[in-house]
Amino acid sequence: MPKGVELSNYTMLFISEDNNFDLANLPTLWFSSLYWISGVLLNVKAITQGGKVILYPEFDEEMTCKLIQKYNVAVLFLSTSMINRFVRAGHAKNYSLPSLKIILGGGAIIKPKVQEELRSALPHVQILQGYGKYCYKILT
């Protein structure tokens, strides 16, 4: 369910004008709905920067690998529970995913063991996590 969060007009303008996180040249995949703050932020960034975005209606571990491979996804945003499922399923080892450069995780802390397993499966990928009140700052 959505949280009762208000974003000021200034915040929305800041998000739309901030170019520290450039989606214009990085094909990006996420599963965030608009009631997640990440869904709002990523959609605003993609619209204002003209980003190439791949949206899929529901998270599936193997389909995520297929989408990354097919569309040369460079940035993947997943919630912590999705990252846990992605790692446990182990499909990443069955696909060629050299285009993937960054995995952004949000919503809660990614446990060290899961980070290690993810890093082992995708050693070329930078793993960034943000959670809580200031999670957007990881993107700036």
C-alpha atoms as a PDB file:
ATOM      1  CA  MET A   1       0.000   0.000   0.000  1.00  0.00           C
ATOM      2  CA  PRO A   2       1.122   3.563  -0.613  1.00  0.00           C
ATOM      3  CA  LYS A   3       2.748   5.530   2.172  1.00  0.00           C
ATOM      4  CA  GLY A   4       1.505   8.969   3.152  1.00  0.00           C
ATOM      5  CA  VAL A   5       4.429  10.914   1.700  1.00  0.00           C
ATOM      6  CA  GLU A   6       4.337  14.409   0.285  1.00  0.00           C
ATOM      7  CA  LEU A   7       6.928  15.719  -2.145  1.00  0.00           C
ATOM      8  CA  SER A   8       7.182  19.472  -2.489  1.00  0.00           C
ATOM      9  CA  ASN A   9       7.175  21.181  -5.871  1.00  0.00           C
ATOM     10  CA  TYR A  10      10.814  22.100  -5.222  1.00  0.00           C
ATOM     11  CA  THR A  11      11.711  18.450  -4.701  1.00  0.00           C
ATOM     12  CA  MET A  12      10.047  17.437  -7.950  1.00  0.00           C
ATOM     13  CA  LEU A  13      11.852  20.227  -9.827  1.00  0.00           C
ATOM     14  CA  PHE A  14      15.156  19.241  -8.229  1.00  0.00           C
ATOM     15  CA  ILE A  15      14.652  15.619  -9.247  1.00  0.00           C
ATOM     16  CA  SER A  16      13.765  16.550 -12.809  1.00  0.00           C
ATOM     17  CA  GLU A  17      16.715  18.938 -13.253  1.00  0.00           C
ATOM     18  CA  ASP A  18      19.389  16.913 -11.465  1.00  0.00           C
ATOM     19  CA  ASN A  19      21.679  15.237 -14.016  1.00  0.00           C
ATOM     20  CA  ASN A  20      23.926  13.341 -11.598  1.00  0.00           C
ATOM     21  CA  PHE A  21      21.935  10.210 -12.359  1.00  0.00           C
ATOM     22  CA  ASP A  22      21.669  10.177 -16.146  1.00  0.00           C
ATOM     23  CA  LEU A  23      19.048   7.854 -17.581  1.00  0.00           C
ATOM     24  CA  ALA A  24      19.305   9.342 -21.073  1.00  0.00           C
ATOM     25  CA  ASN A  25      22.108   7.034 -22.165  1.00  0.00           C
ATOM     26  CA  LEU A  26      21.548   4.042 -19.902  1.00  0.00           C
ATOM     27  CA  PRO A  27      18.790   1.558 -20.748  1.00  0.00           C
ATOM     28  CA  THR A  28      17.099   0.976 -17.411  1.00  0.00           C
ATOM     29  CA  LEU A  29      14.764  -1.690 -16.047  1.00  0.00           C
ATOM     30  CA  TRP A  30      12.613  -1.407 -12.946  1.00  0.00           C
ATOM     31  CA  PHE A  31       9.479  -2.906 -11.465  1.00  0.00           C
ATOM     32  CA  SER A  32       8.554  -0.050  -9.104  1.00  0.00           C
ATOM     33  CA  SER A  33       4.949   1.066  -9.105  1.00  0.00           C
ATOM     34  CA  LEU A  34       4.019   4.714  -8.728  1.00  0.00           C
ATOM     35  CA  TYR A  35       3.168   4.243  -5.064  1.00  0.00           C
ATOM     36  CA  TRP A  36       6.852   3.568  -4.330  1.00  0.00           C
ATOM     37  CA  ILE A  37       9.004   6.687  -4.124  1.00  0.00           C
ATOM     38  CA  SER A  38      11.486   4.978  -6.433  1.00  0.00           C
ATOM     39  CA  GLY A  39       8.734   4.574  -9.031  1.00  0.00           C
ATOM     40  CA  VAL A  40       7.965   8.290  -8.914  1.00  0.00           C
ATOM     41  CA  LEU A  41      11.638   9.296  -8.989  1.00  0.00           C
ATOM     42  CA  LEU A  42      12.616   6.945 -11.796  1.00  0.00           C
ATOM     43  CA  ASN A  43       9.620   7.883 -13.927  1.00  0.00           C
ATOM     44  CA  VAL A  44      10.260  11.616 -13.486  1.00  0.00           C
ATOM     45  CA  LYS A  45      13.945  11.135 -14.357  1.00  0.00           C
ATOM     46  CA  ALA A  46      13.131   9.042 -17.424  1.00  0.00           C
ATOM     47  CA  ILE A  47      10.542  11.513 -18.719  1.00  0.00           C
ATOM     48  CA  THR A  48      12.654  14.627 -18.185  1.00  0.00           C
ATOM     49  CA  GLN A  49      15.829  13.033 -19.576  1.00  0.00           C
ATOM     50  CA  GLY A  50      14.242  11.057 -22.386  1.00  0.00           C
ATOM     51  CA  GLY A  51      15.568   7.804 -20.986  1.00  0.00           C
ATOM     52  CA  LYS A  52      15.166   4.375 -22.537  1.00  0.00           C
ATOM     53  CA  VAL A  53      13.150   2.416 -20.018  1.00  0.00           C
ATOM     54  CA  ILE A  54      11.988  -1.164 -19.980  1.00  0.00           C
ATOM     55  CA  LEU A  55       8.924  -1.711 -17.820  1.00  0.00           C
ATOM     56  CA  TYR A  56       7.550  -5.152 -17.166  1.00  0.00           C
ATOM     57  CA  PRO A  57       4.283  -5.761 -15.324  1.00  0.00           C
ATOM     58  CA  GLU A  58       5.599  -8.124 -12.658  1.00  0.00           C
ATOM     59  CA  PHE A  59       8.932  -9.225 -11.298  1.00  0.00           C
ATOM     60  CA  ASP A  60      10.138 -12.634 -12.414  1.00  0.00           C
ATOM     61  CA  GLU A  61      13.726 -13.697 -11.813  1.00  0.00           C
ATOM     62  CA  GLU A  62      14.367 -15.401 -15.145  1.00  0.00           C
ATOM     63  CA  MET A  63      12.414 -12.841 -17.177  1.00  0.00           C
ATOM     64  CA  THR A  64      14.604 -10.150 -15.614  1.00  0.00           C
ATOM     65  CA  CYS A  65      17.681 -11.863 -17.077  1.00  0.00           C
ATOM     66  CA  LYS A  66      15.963 -12.226 -20.454  1.00  0.00           C
ATOM     67  CA  LEU A  67      15.036  -8.530 -20.508  1.00  0.00           C
ATOM     68  CA  ILE A  68      18.557  -7.450 -19.511  1.00  0.00           C
ATOM     69  CA  GLN A  69      20.046  -9.576 -22.272  1.00  0.00           C
ATOM     70  CA  LYS A  70      17.501  -8.659 -24.969  1.00  0.00           C
ATOM     71  CA  TYR A  71      17.475  -4.886 -24.376  1.00  0.00           C
ATOM     72  CA  ASN A  72      21.090  -4.449 -23.184  1.00  0.00           C
ATOM     73  CA  VAL A  73      19.918  -3.055 -19.868  1.00  0.00           C
ATOM     74  CA  ALA A  74      22.658  -1.110 -18.077  1.00  0.00           C
ATOM     75  CA  VAL A  75      20.836  -0.161 -14.865  1.00  0.00           C
ATOM     76  CA  LEU A  76      18.520  -2.410 -12.861  1.00  0.00           C
ATOM     77  CA  PHE A  77      16.494  -1.168  -9.906  1.00  0.00           C
ATOM     78  CA  LEU A  78      15.095  -3.812  -7.551  1.00  0.00           C
ATOM     79  CA  SER A  79      13.658  -3.821  -4.064  1.00  0.00           C
ATOM     80  CA  THR A  80      15.623  -5.765  -1.482  1.00  0.00           C
ATOM     81  CA  SER A  81      13.154  -8.650  -1.580  1.00  0.00           C
ATOM     82  CA  MET A  82      13.493  -8.786  -5.380  1.00  0.00           C
ATOM     83  CA  ILE A  83      17.285  -8.860  -5.061  1.00  0.00           C
ATOM     84  CA  ASN A  84      16.997 -11.726  -2.576  1.00  0.00           C
ATOM     85  CA  ARG A  85      14.759 -13.657  -4.975  1.00  0.00           C
ATOM     86  CA  PHE A  86      17.018 -12.844  -7.945  1.00  0.00           C
ATOM     87  CA  VAL A  87      20.091 -14.163  -6.134  1.00  0.00           C
ATOM     88  CA  ARG A  88      18.335 -17.277  -4.785  1.00  0.00           C
ATOM     89  CA  ALA A  89      16.969 -18.221  -8.223  1.00  0.00           C
ATOM     90  CA  GLY A  90      20.489 -18.209  -9.699  1.00  0.00           C
ATOM     91  CA  HIS A  91      19.422 -17.498 -13.293  1.00  0.00           C
ATOM     92  CA  ALA A  92      22.096 -14.819 -13.836  1.00  0.00           C
ATOM     93  CA  LYS A  93      24.756 -17.480 -14.412  1.00  0.00           C
ATOM     94  CA  ASN A  94      22.748 -18.864 -17.355  1.00  0.00           C
ATOM     95  CA  TYR A  95      22.645 -15.589 -19.308  1.00  0.00           C
ATOM     96  CA  SER A  96      25.167 -13.275 -20.907  1.00  0.00           C
ATOM     97  CA  LEU A  97      24.677  -9.958 -19.077  1.00  0.00           C
ATOM     98  CA  PRO A  98      27.723  -7.795 -19.948  1.00  0.00           C
ATOM     99  CA  SER A  99      25.556  -4.714 -20.563  1.00  0.00           C
ATOM    100  CA  LEU A 100      24.467  -4.593 -16.912  1.00  0.00           C
ATOM    101  CA  LYS A 101      26.595  -2.011 -15.103  1.00  0.00           C
ATOM    102  CA  ILE A 102      24.612  -1.007 -12.007  1.00  0.00           C
ATOM    103  CA  ILE A 103      22.108  -2.668  -9.709  1.00  0.00           C
ATOM    104  CA  LEU A 104      20.280  -0.243  -7.453  1.00  0.00           C
ATOM    105  CA  GLY A 105      18.578  -1.740  -4.418  1.00  0.00           C
ATOM    106  CA  GLY A 106      16.152   0.036  -2.166  1.00  0.00           C
ATOM    107  CA  GLY A 107      13.614  -0.394   0.557  1.00  0.00           C
ATOM    108  CA  ALA A 108      15.785  -2.145   3.150  1.00  0.00           C
ATOM    109  CA  ILE A 109      19.370  -3.162   3.807  1.00  0.00           C
ATOM    110  CA  ILE A 110      20.780  -5.838   1.513  1.00  0.00           C
ATOM    111  CA  LYS A 111      22.377  -8.426   3.794  1.00  0.00           C
ATOM    112  CA  PRO A 112      26.142  -8.920   3.337  1.00  0.00           C
ATOM    113  CA  LYS A 113      25.715 -12.579   2.341  1.00  0.00           C
ATOM    114  CA  VAL A 114      23.281 -11.610  -0.427  1.00  0.00           C
ATOM    115  CA  GLN A 115      25.649  -8.852  -1.596  1.00  0.00           C
ATOM    116  CA  GLU A 116      28.500 -11.355  -1.775  1.00  0.00           C
ATOM    117  CA  GLU A 117      26.415 -13.835  -3.752  1.00  0.00           C
ATOM    118  CA  LEU A 118      25.258 -11.091  -6.121  1.00  0.00           C
ATOM    119  CA  ARG A 119      28.823  -9.830  -6.563  1.00  0.00           C
ATOM    120  CA  SER A 120      29.978 -13.391  -7.231  1.00  0.00           C
ATOM    121  CA  ALA A 121      27.274 -13.938  -9.874  1.00  0.00           C
ATOM    122  CA  LEU A 122      27.829 -10.521 -11.507  1.00  0.00           C
ATOM    123  CA  PRO A 123      31.383  -9.377 -10.662  1.00  0.00           C
ATOM    124  CA  HIS A 124      31.367  -6.604 -13.279  1.00  0.00           C
ATOM    125  CA  VAL A 125      28.287  -4.905 -11.784  1.00  0.00           C
ATOM    126  CA  GLN A 126      28.349  -2.038  -9.298  1.00  0.00           C
ATOM    127  CA  ILE A 127      25.849  -2.616  -6.472  1.00  0.00           C
ATOM    128  CA  LEU A 128      24.346   0.484  -4.869  1.00  0.00           C
ATOM    129  CA  GLN A 129      21.731   0.527  -2.171  1.00  0.00           C
ATOM    130  CA  GLY A 130      19.554   3.197  -0.700  1.00  0.00           C
ATOM    131  CA  TYR A 131      16.795   2.926   1.826  1.00  0.00           C
ATOM    132  CA  GLY A 132      14.808   5.040   4.182  1.00  0.00           C
ATOM    133  CA  LYS A 133      14.141   8.725   4.244  1.00  0.00           C
ATOM    134  CA  TYR A 134      17.122   9.782   2.162  1.00  0.00           C
ATOM    135  CA  CYS A 135      17.336   6.970  -0.366  1.00  0.00           C
ATOM    136  CA  TYR A 136      17.242   9.363  -3.324  1.00  0.00           C
ATOM    137  CA  LYS A 137      20.589  10.841  -2.249  1.00  0.00           C
ATOM    138  CA  ILE A 138      22.344   7.646  -3.377  1.00  0.00           C
ATOM    139  CA  LEU A 139      21.417   8.671  -6.901  1.00  0.00           C
ATOM    140  CA  THR A 140      22.900  12.142  -6.682  1.00  0.00           C
END
